[in-house]
Amino acid sequence: MVVLDFHVVVDPERLKEYRRRHKERIRGCSIRTIFMIMPVTLILVSWVASLYFNTTPLTLLAFGQVDNAHAPKMISIGDCCPPIMRLEHLKGQDVAANVSVLLLAAMDRAEEVSEAPRLYWIALESQAEPITPSSLQVLQGTDANNNAAFRFGSAVTTRSQSYTWLETHHNEDASTHYKTLLKQEKMYKTTEPFEASFLISGIQAAYPTTYTVFVTAQNPQSRALASQPARGSLLIPACASFCKSCELAGARFCDPGQCIEGTHYHAGRCYPCVENCDSCDFMATPLDFGFVNLTDQESIQCDRAGCKQGFGYQGGRCLECHVKHCRDCEEDLASCSLCLPGLGLDSNGTCQQCGGPHCRCLEQGGCEECEDGWGPAENATCVKCASGCKSCPGSHKSCKECEPGYIFAPKTGICERCIDHCRICKDSGRHSCDECYPGWGLNPLSMRCETCQAANCLKCNGNQRMCSECQSGFGVTPEGTCQDCGEFCKNCDSIDNCKVCQSGFVSIKGQCKGCADRCNVCDKAGPAKCDRCFQGFHLTKESICERGAAS
């Protein structure tokens, strides 16, 4: 057996050199990792993330995932349709700008609906024309130079009946603008209209100042911004709040008698009445501070008889009556002193139905008067007037006024017919005529009703060549001829008074107002609402039209 016994002797200098080189290699790897491998890895990760999220790395870090798909669009077509700014007076002598905006949201073709965009706005106060900022700057609340805006904020949007919005803010050009949106912007094909309103409060002006608002919108799902903001402007006058004119009084004051409705003039200023008050008196409000502006809680007290219908006077304020269908109530608000028409006041101070149909009363079960065409009868009821009788207020058996085409005969006490085609013969007697039915005119020589001669004429009293009422689709001109009623109108009394409008419109005070978008008829629902939608749209509970069949 051989035993090996040996020792390894290492040179200390060589060991030290080895360790030094080993540290240098480790340090070199760390430096390469930091300056080469990690940046390359970061670039690769960013590249993969960009491809996956379809967003640049910086945008992803700053704003999260953003997609340019389905970006909203702010409307800017000629003079259609910038944000509309109107001056509004608030309580406490505060002045605000009320801004209304119409915009378009891209429609998701798969879902056939649009997400309601989120609105962002900035307001700038300047004498010169401001530079238009980007949509991103508006979102961040800065102007074009990245300075903080005078005011900024956001607002929710709701689906709009765009024709009604245009009619309200661009009445004369509503039809033209609406057709432009349908054709150029493919509204209801690829886009849907939305609207929003917001207040810019805290406006003060020692001299006339222009306020400019820039508005943009963002898709809440993709976070895509509109390509460019819309712009509106408003000149803020230097008058005091609630004031129509200050030409004589000067800035921050008001001319006497030039206060807006619902306010009261005193010592060069206009002060608001309390809510639900039509008439108020400054002297009824105790003031220990001279002419300092009133706050919301210090509005002028109402006159005792100045409250609106349905509200009662209580300590200078107008509070809602507790009694249903009550017009005027006592200070306790629980006792009614006068009910709305068609109802009677019972002994408990509440409003109850009258004694029967077609009846008006002052107390429950009573019948003080009947509706037109009905007369009082026994047991506090109303009975229809006799044939040919229009009004019989004293008794259903005694006529006071006859229907058109009839004349009252004192001997018989009944209404007798006029001559053929005659509507009124009260003055001339039943064998002649005062006014003929439509389509006929009174011949002043024969005192008979003869056919009108003017083209498209229905009525020509006094002169067969001078028309006073035209056929459907035509209106009377000052010269007595018949002229086309105009756009959207089917039937009118005159060219300025439309009675029946075309499909999609309803007559309001002689003018044709638009129904809800994509609506065929809105005679019952009224403007911006709908009774029956176009094919392919269904009627919602809110009486508007939405795409697709009802669920």
Protein backbone atom coordinates (compact mmCIF):
# COMPACT_ATOMS: atom_id res chain seq x y z
CA MET A 1 0.00 0.00 0.00
CA VAL A 2 1.33 3.31 -1.14
CA VAL A 3 0.33 6.48 0.65
CA LEU A 4 0.55 9.69 -1.30
CA ASP A 5 1.17 12.70 0.77
CA PHE A 6 1.41 15.99 -1.09
CA HIS A 7 0.58 19.67 -0.64
CA VAL A 8 -0.72 22.18 -3.26
CA VAL A 9 1.02 25.41 -2.93
CA VAL A 10 -0.73 28.46 -4.57
CA ASP A 11 1.08 31.58 -5.21
CA PRO A 12 -0.73 34.37 -3.26
CA GLU A 13 -0.06 36.85 -6.05
CA ARG A 14 -1.61 34.58 -8.69
CA LEU A 15 -4.68 33.97 -6.45
CA LYS A 16 -5.13 37.67 -5.98
CA GLU A 17 -4.87 38.20 -9.76
CA TYR A 18 -7.49 35.50 -10.41
CA ARG A 19 -9.94 37.02 -8.01
CA ARG A 20 -9.45 40.48 -9.56
CA ARG A 21 -10.15 39.15 -13.07
CA HIS A 22 -13.23 37.25 -11.81
CA LYS A 23 -14.68 40.44 -10.32
CA GLU A 24 -13.99 42.32 -13.55
CA ARG A 25 -15.87 39.66 -15.56
CA ILE A 26 -18.87 39.87 -13.17
CA ARG A 27 -18.79 43.65 -13.31
CA GLY A 28 -18.59 43.53 -17.09
CA CYS A 29 -21.60 41.22 -17.28
CA SER A 30 -23.58 43.55 -14.99
CA ILE A 31 -22.72 46.59 -17.11
CA ARG A 32 -23.66 44.73 -20.32
CA THR A 33 -26.91 43.60 -18.65
CA ILE A 34 -27.77 47.15 -17.63
CA PHE A 35 -26.76 48.93 -20.84
CA MET A 36 -27.40 46.28 -23.48
CA ILE A 37 -29.54 43.33 -22.46
CA MET A 38 -32.12 45.19 -20.32
CA PRO A 39 -32.81 47.97 -22.92
CA VAL A 40 -33.17 45.38 -25.63
CA THR A 41 -35.51 43.39 -23.41
CA LEU A 42 -37.48 46.53 -22.56
CA ILE A 43 -37.77 47.44 -26.24
CA LEU A 44 -38.97 43.94 -27.09
CA VAL A 45 -41.53 44.00 -24.25
CA SER A 46 -42.73 47.47 -25.35
CA TRP A 47 -42.98 46.30 -28.94
CA VAL A 48 -45.03 43.28 -27.95
CA ALA A 49 -47.26 45.42 -25.69
CA SER A 50 -47.74 47.98 -28.47
CA LEU A 51 -48.79 45.27 -30.89
CA TYR A 52 -51.11 43.70 -28.33
CA PHE A 53 -52.77 46.92 -27.11
CA ASN A 54 -52.39 48.80 -30.43
CA THR A 55 -51.01 51.76 -28.45
CA THR A 56 -47.60 53.40 -28.30
CA PRO A 57 -45.63 52.74 -25.08
CA LEU A 58 -45.60 56.38 -23.94
CA THR A 59 -49.35 56.70 -24.51
CA LEU A 60 -49.89 53.43 -22.69
CA LEU A 61 -47.87 54.67 -19.71
CA ALA A 62 -49.47 58.14 -19.65
CA PHE A 63 -53.11 57.36 -20.49
CA GLY A 64 -53.52 53.59 -20.36
CA GLN A 65 -54.93 51.57 -23.23
CA VAL A 66 -56.22 53.89 -25.98
CA ASP A 67 -57.78 52.89 -29.29
CA ASN A 68 -58.57 55.27 -32.13
CA ALA A 69 -61.62 53.25 -33.09
CA HIS A 70 -65.08 54.84 -32.84
CA ALA A 71 -63.81 58.34 -32.02
CA PRO A 72 -66.59 60.94 -31.47
CA LYS A 73 -66.82 63.89 -33.85
CA MET A 74 -67.38 67.53 -33.00
CA ILE A 75 -69.56 69.11 -35.71
CA SER A 76 -67.93 71.85 -37.75
CA ILE A 77 -69.63 72.27 -41.12
CA GLY A 78 -69.73 75.90 -42.21
CA ASP A 79 -71.87 77.69 -39.64
CA CYS A 80 -73.24 74.41 -38.26
CA CYS A 81 -73.19 73.66 -35.38
CA PRO A 82 -70.90 75.32 -32.82
CA PRO A 83 -71.46 75.15 -29.05
CA ILE A 84 -74.25 77.59 -28.18
CA MET A 85 -73.48 79.90 -25.26
CA ARG A 86 -76.15 81.99 -23.52
CA LEU A 87 -75.87 84.29 -20.54
CA GLU A 88 -77.78 83.10 -17.47
CA HIS A 89 -78.41 84.97 -14.22
CA LEU A 90 -78.25 82.94 -11.02
CA LYS A 91 -79.23 83.89 -7.52
CA GLY A 92 -76.76 85.82 -5.44
CA GLN A 93 -75.87 88.22 -8.30
CA ASP A 94 -73.88 85.47 -10.01
CA VAL A 95 -73.58 85.33 -13.79
CA ALA A 96 -73.03 82.09 -15.69
CA ALA A 97 -72.75 80.95 -19.28
CA ASN A 98 -75.12 78.13 -20.25
CA VAL A 99 -73.45 76.03 -22.95
CA SER A 100 -75.30 73.55 -25.17
CA VAL A 101 -73.38 71.21 -27.50
CA LEU A 102 -74.41 68.87 -30.31
CA LEU A 103 -71.93 66.16 -31.36
CA LEU A 104 -71.82 62.85 -33.21
CA ALA A 105 -70.77 59.47 -31.82
CA ALA A 106 -69.52 56.70 -34.10
CA MET A 107 -71.95 53.82 -34.34
CA ASP A 108 -70.78 50.29 -33.62
CA ARG A 109 -72.09 48.45 -36.68
CA ALA A 110 -72.12 45.12 -34.91
CA GLU A 111 -74.19 46.47 -32.03
CA GLU A 112 -75.98 49.17 -34.11
CA VAL A 113 -75.68 51.53 -31.12
CA SER A 114 -73.25 54.19 -29.95
CA GLU A 115 -71.65 54.62 -26.55
CA ALA A 116 -72.53 57.96 -24.95
CA PRO A 117 -69.31 60.04 -25.20
CA ARG A 118 -67.88 61.99 -22.28
CA LEU A 119 -67.61 65.73 -22.89
CA TYR A 120 -64.59 67.83 -21.84
CA TRP A 121 -64.38 71.61 -22.05
CA ILE A 122 -62.21 74.60 -21.25
CA ALA A 123 -63.20 78.27 -21.05
CA LEU A 124 -60.77 81.07 -21.87
CA GLU A 125 -61.09 84.76 -21.03
CA SER A 126 -59.33 86.96 -23.57
CA GLN A 127 -59.64 90.08 -25.65
CA ALA A 128 -57.82 88.61 -28.67
CA GLU A 129 -58.75 85.51 -30.65
CA PRO A 130 -57.30 82.51 -28.75
CA ILE A 131 -55.26 79.80 -30.47
CA THR A 132 -57.22 76.58 -30.87
CA PRO A 133 -55.88 73.88 -28.53
CA SER A 134 -55.77 70.19 -29.34
CA SER A 135 -58.38 67.78 -28.03
CA LEU A 136 -55.75 66.36 -25.68
CA GLN A 137 -55.07 69.82 -24.23
CA VAL A 138 -58.81 70.35 -23.70
CA LEU A 139 -58.97 66.97 -21.95
CA GLN A 140 -56.10 68.05 -19.68
CA GLY A 141 -57.71 71.46 -18.98
CA THR A 142 -55.08 73.63 -20.67
CA ASP A 143 -55.01 76.13 -23.52
CA ALA A 144 -52.87 75.85 -26.67
CA ASN A 145 -49.80 76.99 -24.70
CA ASN A 146 -50.38 74.38 -21.97
CA ASN A 147 -51.42 77.04 -19.46
CA ALA A 148 -54.28 76.20 -17.09
CA ALA A 149 -57.61 77.38 -18.51
CA PHE A 150 -59.83 79.99 -16.81
CA ARG A 151 -62.44 77.27 -16.24
CA PHE A 152 -62.49 73.61 -17.26
CA GLY A 153 -64.56 70.53 -16.61
CA SER A 154 -66.53 67.66 -18.09
CA ALA A 155 -70.16 66.73 -18.68
CA VAL A 156 -72.25 63.69 -19.51
CA THR A 157 -74.01 63.43 -22.87
CA THR A 158 -77.43 62.05 -23.74
CA ARG A 159 -78.94 60.93 -27.02
CA SER A 160 -80.25 63.94 -28.88
CA GLN A 161 -83.25 64.66 -31.05
CA SER A 162 -80.99 66.63 -33.37
CA TYR A 163 -83.68 68.38 -35.39
CA THR A 164 -85.19 69.77 -32.18
CA TRP A 165 -81.74 70.92 -31.02
CA LEU A 166 -81.16 72.63 -34.37
CA GLU A 167 -84.65 74.12 -34.28
CA THR A 168 -83.98 75.57 -30.84
CA HIS A 169 -80.57 77.03 -31.63
CA HIS A 170 -80.61 77.51 -35.44
CA ASN A 171 -84.32 77.90 -36.17
CA GLU A 172 -84.05 79.45 -39.64
CA ASP A 173 -81.39 76.98 -40.82
CA ALA A 174 -82.61 73.89 -38.96
CA SER A 175 -83.83 72.07 -42.08
CA THR A 176 -80.65 72.80 -44.07
CA HIS A 177 -78.34 71.77 -41.22
CA TYR A 178 -80.32 68.59 -40.54
CA LYS A 179 -80.12 67.51 -44.19
CA THR A 180 -76.38 68.25 -44.16
CA LEU A 181 -75.86 66.03 -41.11
CA LEU A 182 -77.85 63.22 -42.72
CA LYS A 183 -75.91 63.45 -45.99
CA GLN A 184 -72.37 64.54 -45.11
CA GLU A 185 -72.03 63.00 -41.67
CA LYS A 186 -74.20 59.93 -42.47
CA MET A 187 -76.20 60.51 -39.29
CA TYR A 188 -78.18 57.41 -38.25
CA LYS A 189 -76.11 55.33 -40.67
CA THR A 190 -72.60 55.47 -39.21
CA THR A 191 -73.09 58.09 -36.47
CA GLU A 192 -75.69 59.07 -33.88
CA PRO A 193 -76.35 62.53 -32.38
CA PHE A 194 -75.69 63.29 -28.71
CA GLU A 195 -76.01 66.53 -26.78
CA ALA A 196 -74.86 67.98 -23.48
CA SER A 197 -75.39 71.14 -21.46
CA PHE A 198 -73.26 72.65 -18.71
CA LEU A 199 -72.82 75.91 -16.80
CA ILE A 200 -69.68 78.02 -16.61
CA SER A 201 -70.28 79.92 -13.37
CA GLY A 202 -68.36 82.59 -11.51
CA ILE A 203 -68.19 84.97 -14.47
CA GLN A 204 -67.50 88.59 -13.56
CA ALA A 205 -66.87 91.48 -15.94
CA ALA A 206 -65.87 95.02 -15.07
CA TYR A 207 -66.00 95.75 -18.82
CA PRO A 208 -67.37 93.79 -21.78
CA THR A 209 -65.32 90.58 -22.09
CA THR A 210 -65.38 87.70 -24.56
CA TYR A 211 -65.36 84.18 -23.18
CA THR A 212 -64.41 81.36 -25.54
CA VAL A 213 -65.18 77.71 -24.88
CA PHE A 214 -63.49 74.74 -26.57
CA VAL A 215 -65.26 71.40 -26.33
CA THR A 216 -64.14 67.87 -27.20
CA ALA A 217 -65.48 64.37 -26.55
CA GLN A 218 -64.04 60.97 -25.72
CA ASN A 219 -65.33 57.46 -26.33
CA PRO A 220 -65.56 55.89 -22.84
CA GLN A 221 -64.69 52.41 -24.15
CA SER A 222 -61.85 52.99 -26.62
CA ARG A 223 -60.88 56.33 -24.98
CA ALA A 224 -60.50 57.78 -28.46
CA LEU A 225 -60.73 61.58 -28.61
CA ALA A 226 -62.41 63.69 -31.27
CA SER A 227 -59.87 64.77 -33.87
CA GLN A 228 -60.37 68.45 -33.05
CA PRO A 229 -62.43 70.44 -30.54
CA ALA A 230 -65.46 72.61 -31.34
CA ARG A 231 -65.48 76.30 -30.46
CA GLY A 232 -68.09 78.78 -29.18
CA SER A 233 -67.88 82.31 -27.82
CA LEU A 234 -69.97 84.72 -25.75
CA LEU A 235 -69.66 88.42 -25.02
CA ILE A 236 -70.23 89.07 -21.30
CA PRO A 237 -71.74 92.54 -20.74
CA ALA A 238 -70.67 94.76 -17.88
CA CYS A 239 -74.20 95.27 -16.49
CA ALA A 240 -75.27 94.00 -13.06
CA SER A 241 -76.81 90.54 -12.82
CA PHE A 242 -80.46 90.02 -13.89
CA CYS A 243 -80.23 93.24 -15.92
CA LYS A 244 -81.39 93.84 -19.51
CA SER A 245 -79.67 97.21 -19.99
CA CYS A 246 -77.19 99.48 -18.20
CA GLU A 247 -76.59 102.15 -20.83
CA LEU A 248 -77.63 104.95 -18.43
CA ALA A 249 -76.60 103.46 -15.08
CA GLY A 250 -73.17 102.22 -16.18
CA ALA A 251 -71.14 99.06 -15.53
CA ARG A 252 -72.18 96.79 -12.63
CA PHE A 253 -75.53 98.60 -12.32
CA CYS A 254 -78.90 98.42 -14.07
CA ASP A 255 -81.20 100.96 -15.70
CA PRO A 256 -84.57 101.44 -13.92
CA GLY A 257 -87.25 99.09 -15.20
CA GLN A 258 -84.74 96.92 -17.08
CA CYS A 259 -84.70 93.87 -14.81
CA ILE A 260 -85.48 90.42 -16.18
CA GLU A 261 -88.73 88.66 -15.25
CA GLY A 262 -88.89 87.26 -11.71
CA THR A 263 -86.59 89.94 -10.25
CA HIS A 264 -87.08 93.33 -8.57
CA TYR A 265 -85.28 96.63 -9.19
CA HIS A 266 -83.80 98.51 -6.23
CA ALA A 267 -81.05 101.13 -5.97
CA GLY A 268 -79.52 100.39 -9.35
CA ARG A 269 -79.53 96.60 -9.00
CA CYS A 270 -81.89 93.72 -9.80
CA TYR A 271 -82.61 91.21 -7.07
CA PRO A 272 -84.29 87.78 -7.46
CA CYS A 273 -87.62 86.88 -5.89
CA VAL A 274 -87.89 83.66 -3.90
CA GLU A 275 -88.62 80.51 -5.90
CA ASN A 276 -92.10 79.97 -7.39
CA CYS A 277 -92.95 83.67 -6.95
CA ASP A 278 -94.28 85.93 -9.70
CA SER A 279 -94.31 89.19 -7.75
CA CYS A 280 -92.08 90.33 -4.88
CA ASP A 281 -91.31 93.51 -2.93
CA PHE A 282 -87.80 94.55 -1.88
CA MET A 283 -89.17 96.49 1.12
CA ALA A 284 -90.73 93.29 2.49
CA THR A 285 -87.24 91.81 2.97
CA PRO A 286 -85.39 93.01 6.12
CA LEU A 287 -81.85 94.14 5.25
CA ASP A 288 -79.32 95.29 7.82
CA PHE A 289 -76.46 95.57 5.37
CA GLY A 290 -77.59 98.34 3.02
CA PHE A 291 -77.33 97.47 -0.65
CA VAL A 292 -75.01 94.47 -0.45
CA ASN A 293 -75.85 91.76 -3.02
CA LEU A 294 -78.35 89.20 -1.77
CA THR A 295 -77.34 85.56 -1.50
CA ASP A 296 -79.40 82.52 -2.41
CA GLN A 297 -80.82 82.38 1.12
CA GLU A 298 -81.57 86.12 1.12
CA SER A 299 -83.78 86.41 -1.96
CA ILE A 300 -86.57 88.99 -1.86
CA GLN A 301 -89.70 87.83 -0.06
CA CYS A 302 -92.81 87.25 -2.13
CA ASP A 303 -95.93 89.40 -2.07
CA ARG A 304 -98.81 87.75 -0.23
CA ALA A 305 -100.68 87.24 -3.51
CA GLY A 306 -97.58 86.79 -5.65
CA CYS A 307 -97.12 82.99 -5.55
CA LYS A 308 -97.59 80.87 -8.66
CA GLN A 309 -100.58 78.59 -9.08
CA GLY A 310 -100.32 75.51 -6.89
CA PHE A 311 -98.20 77.32 -4.27
CA GLY A 312 -99.19 79.01 -1.04
CA TYR A 313 -97.73 82.03 0.75
CA GLN A 314 -95.93 81.24 4.02
CA GLY A 315 -93.59 83.69 5.73
CA GLY A 316 -92.56 85.43 2.51
CA ARG A 317 -91.89 82.16 0.70
CA CYS A 318 -93.95 80.17 -1.80
CA LEU A 319 -94.37 76.52 -0.86
CA GLU A 320 -96.24 73.81 -2.73
CA CYS A 321 -99.85 73.25 -1.64
CA HIS A 322 -100.49 69.93 0.10
CA VAL A 323 -103.93 69.59 -1.49
CA LYS A 324 -104.00 67.85 -4.84
CA HIS A 325 -105.43 69.88 -7.77
CA CYS A 326 -105.41 73.06 -5.67
CA ARG A 327 -104.80 76.42 -7.34
CA ASP A 328 -104.56 78.68 -4.23
CA CYS A 329 -104.07 77.47 -0.64
CA GLU A 330 -103.89 78.99 2.83
CA GLU A 331 -100.67 79.57 4.78
CA ASP A 332 -100.88 76.14 6.43
CA LEU A 333 -100.69 74.70 2.86
CA ALA A 334 -103.20 72.00 3.86
CA SER A 335 -106.40 74.00 3.24
CA CYS A 336 -107.33 74.94 -0.31
CA SER A 337 -109.14 78.20 -1.07
CA LEU A 338 -109.59 77.70 -4.84
CA CYS A 339 -109.40 74.52 -6.92
CA LEU A 340 -108.34 74.10 -10.50
CA PRO A 341 -111.13 74.37 -13.13
CA GLY A 342 -113.48 71.37 -13.21
CA LEU A 343 -113.15 70.64 -9.51
CA GLY A 344 -115.06 71.81 -6.44
CA LEU A 345 -113.95 72.71 -2.92
CA ASP A 346 -115.50 70.61 -0.12
CA SER A 347 -115.89 71.52 3.56
CA ASN A 348 -112.51 69.96 4.41
CA GLY A 349 -110.64 72.29 2.07
CA THR A 350 -109.87 69.59 -0.50
CA CYS A 351 -110.75 69.45 -4.21
CA GLN A 352 -113.40 66.98 -5.36
CA GLN A 353 -115.25 66.16 -8.58
CA CYS A 354 -118.39 68.09 -9.48
CA GLY A 355 -121.93 66.63 -9.59
CA GLY A 356 -121.72 65.22 -13.11
CA PRO A 357 -119.92 65.25 -16.47
CA HIS A 358 -119.57 68.46 -18.54
CA CYS A 359 -120.00 70.44 -15.31
CA ARG A 360 -117.98 73.14 -13.52
CA CYS A 361 -118.50 73.70 -9.79
CA LEU A 362 -117.27 75.51 -6.70
CA GLU A 363 -118.17 72.77 -4.24
CA GLN A 364 -118.34 68.99 -4.26
CA GLY A 365 -121.40 67.60 -6.05
CA GLY A 366 -122.50 71.03 -7.23
CA CYS A 367 -122.85 72.43 -10.74
CA GLU A 368 -122.54 76.20 -11.17
CA GLU A 369 -122.10 76.13 -14.97
CA CYS A 370 -121.86 73.69 -17.87
CA GLU A 371 -119.36 73.31 -20.68
CA ASP A 372 -120.11 74.95 -24.03
CA GLY A 373 -122.89 73.10 -25.85
CA TRP A 374 -124.41 71.86 -22.58
CA GLY A 375 -127.02 73.41 -20.29
CA PRO A 376 -128.03 72.97 -16.63
CA ALA A 377 -130.75 70.46 -15.83
CA GLU A 378 -132.27 68.95 -12.70
CA ASN A 379 -130.17 67.30 -9.99
CA ALA A 380 -127.04 69.38 -10.75
CA THR A 381 -126.42 67.76 -14.14
CA CYS A 382 -125.73 69.06 -17.64
CA VAL A 383 -127.75 68.15 -20.75
CA LYS A 384 -126.75 68.85 -24.36
CA CYS A 385 -128.31 71.95 -25.91
CA ALA A 386 -131.09 71.61 -28.50
CA SER A 387 -130.30 71.03 -32.19
CA GLY A 388 -128.58 74.02 -33.79
CA CYS A 389 -127.83 75.58 -30.39
CA LYS A 390 -124.23 76.30 -29.44
CA SER A 391 -124.68 77.79 -25.96
CA CYS A 392 -127.46 77.43 -23.40
CA PRO A 393 -125.94 78.51 -20.06
CA GLY A 394 -129.25 79.22 -18.30
CA SER A 395 -131.02 75.99 -19.19
CA HIS A 396 -130.62 73.24 -21.76
CA LYS A 397 -134.09 74.22 -23.02
CA SER A 398 -133.25 77.91 -23.56
CA CYS A 399 -130.70 78.80 -26.25
CA LYS A 400 -128.47 81.86 -26.03
CA GLU A 401 -126.24 81.38 -29.09
CA CYS A 402 -126.78 79.30 -32.22
CA GLU A 403 -124.32 77.13 -34.09
CA PRO A 404 -122.92 78.31 -37.46
CA GLY A 405 -125.56 78.10 -40.17
CA TYR A 406 -128.39 78.83 -37.75
CA ILE A 407 -130.19 81.95 -36.52
CA PHE A 408 -132.20 82.39 -33.34
CA ALA A 409 -135.95 82.82 -33.82
CA PRO A 410 -137.40 84.79 -30.86
CA LYS A 411 -140.99 83.69 -31.56
CA THR A 412 -140.27 79.97 -31.42
CA GLY A 413 -137.21 80.14 -29.15
CA ILE A 414 -135.29 77.72 -31.38
CA CYS A 415 -132.43 77.97 -33.91
CA GLU A 416 -133.48 77.97 -37.58
CA ARG A 417 -131.25 77.31 -40.60
CA CYS A 418 -129.82 80.08 -42.79
CA ILE A 419 -129.93 79.95 -46.62
CA ASP A 420 -127.87 77.37 -48.51
CA HIS A 421 -124.07 77.53 -48.07
CA CYS A 422 -124.45 80.27 -45.43
CA ARG A 423 -122.51 80.05 -42.18
CA ILE A 424 -123.74 83.23 -40.41
CA CYS A 425 -126.96 85.13 -41.03
CA LYS A 426 -127.45 86.84 -37.68
CA ASP A 427 -127.58 90.40 -39.05
CA SER A 428 -129.10 89.81 -42.48
CA GLY A 429 -131.74 87.29 -41.42
CA ARG A 430 -132.38 83.68 -42.39
CA HIS A 431 -133.27 84.61 -45.98
CA SER A 432 -129.91 86.28 -46.63
CA CYS A 433 -126.30 85.77 -45.41
CA ASP A 434 -123.54 87.52 -43.54
CA GLU A 435 -120.79 84.93 -44.16
CA CYS A 436 -120.69 81.85 -46.39
CA TYR A 437 -119.18 78.42 -45.81
CA PRO A 438 -115.69 77.61 -47.19
CA GLY A 439 -115.62 77.47 -50.98
CA TRP A 440 -118.34 80.04 -51.25
CA GLY A 441 -118.39 83.83 -51.22
CA LEU A 442 -121.17 86.29 -50.54
CA ASN A 443 -122.40 88.18 -53.59
CA PRO A 444 -123.17 91.67 -52.21
CA LEU A 445 -125.84 92.28 -54.87
CA SER A 446 -127.88 89.10 -54.56
CA MET A 447 -126.92 88.44 -50.91
CA ARG A 448 -126.43 84.80 -51.87
CA CYS A 449 -123.45 82.47 -51.49
CA GLU A 450 -121.67 81.85 -54.80
CA THR A 451 -118.57 79.87 -55.75
CA CYS A 452 -115.20 81.63 -55.25
CA GLN A 453 -113.22 82.56 -58.39
CA ALA A 454 -109.68 82.88 -56.99
CA ALA A 455 -107.43 79.89 -57.71
CA ASN A 456 -107.14 77.33 -54.88
CA CYS A 457 -109.62 79.35 -52.79
CA LEU A 458 -112.17 77.99 -50.32
CA LYS A 459 -113.61 81.20 -48.91
CA CYS A 460 -114.06 84.66 -50.42
CA ASN A 461 -116.60 86.69 -48.44
CA GLY A 462 -117.33 90.09 -49.96
CA ASN A 463 -115.44 89.54 -53.21
CA GLN A 464 -115.34 86.38 -55.32
CA ARG A 465 -111.86 87.34 -56.59
CA MET A 466 -110.38 88.02 -53.11
CA CYS A 467 -109.69 84.88 -51.12
CA SER A 468 -109.92 84.74 -47.34
CA GLU A 469 -109.30 80.97 -46.95
CA CYS A 470 -107.38 78.64 -49.27
CA GLN A 471 -107.37 74.95 -50.09
CA SER A 472 -105.14 72.50 -48.25
CA GLY A 473 -101.47 73.27 -48.85
CA PHE A 474 -102.10 76.95 -49.62
CA GLY A 475 -102.25 80.09 -47.47
CA VAL A 476 -103.80 83.51 -47.95
CA THR A 477 -101.48 86.34 -48.95
CA PRO A 478 -102.10 90.02 -48.10
CA GLU A 479 -103.26 90.48 -51.71
CA GLY A 480 -106.00 87.88 -51.28
CA THR A 481 -104.43 85.17 -53.44
CA CYS A 482 -103.49 81.63 -52.43
CA GLN A 483 -99.82 80.77 -52.08
CA ASP A 484 -98.07 77.52 -51.13
CA CYS A 485 -97.99 77.15 -47.33
CA GLY A 486 -94.25 76.60 -47.32
CA GLU A 487 -91.80 73.94 -46.21
CA PHE A 488 -93.15 71.17 -43.95
CA CYS A 489 -96.71 72.58 -43.97
CA LYS A 490 -99.68 70.79 -45.58
CA ASN A 491 -102.51 73.09 -44.55
CA CYS A 492 -102.48 76.70 -43.36
CA ASP A 493 -104.90 79.58 -42.73
CA SER A 494 -102.31 82.01 -44.03
CA ILE A 495 -98.69 81.71 -45.12
CA ASP A 496 -97.67 82.52 -41.52
CA ASN A 497 -100.13 80.23 -39.71
CA CYS A 498 -99.78 76.50 -40.41
CA LYS A 499 -102.53 74.20 -39.12
CA VAL A 500 -101.41 70.77 -40.37
CA CYS A 501 -97.76 69.87 -40.92
CA GLN A 502 -96.10 67.22 -43.07
CA SER A 503 -95.02 63.85 -41.71
CA GLY A 504 -92.37 64.24 -39.01
CA PHE A 505 -93.59 67.67 -37.89
CA VAL A 506 -96.30 69.06 -35.60
CA SER A 507 -97.94 72.50 -35.64
CA ILE A 508 -97.22 74.63 -32.55
CA LYS A 509 -98.67 78.17 -32.57
CA GLY A 510 -98.87 78.12 -36.36
CA GLN A 511 -95.28 76.96 -36.91
CA CYS A 512 -94.14 73.44 -37.86
CA LYS A 513 -91.83 72.00 -35.20
CA GLY A 514 -89.82 68.82 -35.65
CA CYS A 515 -90.78 65.52 -34.05
CA ALA A 516 -88.12 63.22 -32.59
CA ASP A 517 -85.52 62.11 -35.12
CA ARG A 518 -86.67 59.22 -37.34
CA CYS A 519 -90.31 59.86 -36.34
CA ASN A 520 -93.33 59.77 -38.64
CA VAL A 521 -96.06 61.28 -36.41
CA CYS A 522 -95.94 63.24 -33.14
CA ASP A 523 -99.36 64.95 -33.06
CA LYS A 524 -100.03 63.73 -29.50
CA ALA A 525 -96.50 63.51 -28.10
CA GLY A 526 -95.45 66.94 -29.39
CA PRO A 527 -92.06 68.34 -30.57
CA ALA A 528 -88.95 66.21 -29.94
CA LYS A 529 -91.19 63.24 -29.08
CA CYS A 530 -92.94 60.61 -31.17
CA ASP A 531 -96.21 58.72 -31.62
CA ARG A 532 -95.06 56.47 -34.48
CA CYS A 533 -91.49 55.85 -35.74
CA PHE A 534 -90.11 55.17 -39.21
CA GLN A 535 -89.71 51.56 -40.29
CA GLY A 536 -86.57 50.04 -38.73
CA PHE A 537 -86.93 52.08 -35.52
CA HIS A 538 -89.00 51.40 -32.41
CA LEU A 539 -90.72 53.70 -29.93
CA THR A 540 -89.20 53.82 -26.41
CA LYS A 541 -90.88 54.61 -23.09
CA GLU A 542 -89.51 58.14 -23.44
CA SER A 543 -91.46 58.54 -26.74
CA ILE A 544 -88.35 58.70 -28.93
CA CYS A 545 -87.18 56.43 -31.75
CA GLU A 546 -84.27 54.01 -31.46
CA ARG A 547 -82.81 51.67 -34.06
CA GLY A 548 -84.07 48.09 -34.28
CA ALA A 549 -87.19 46.27 -33.19
CA ALA A 550 -88.70 46.73 -29.74
CA SER A 551 -87.42 44.27 -27.15
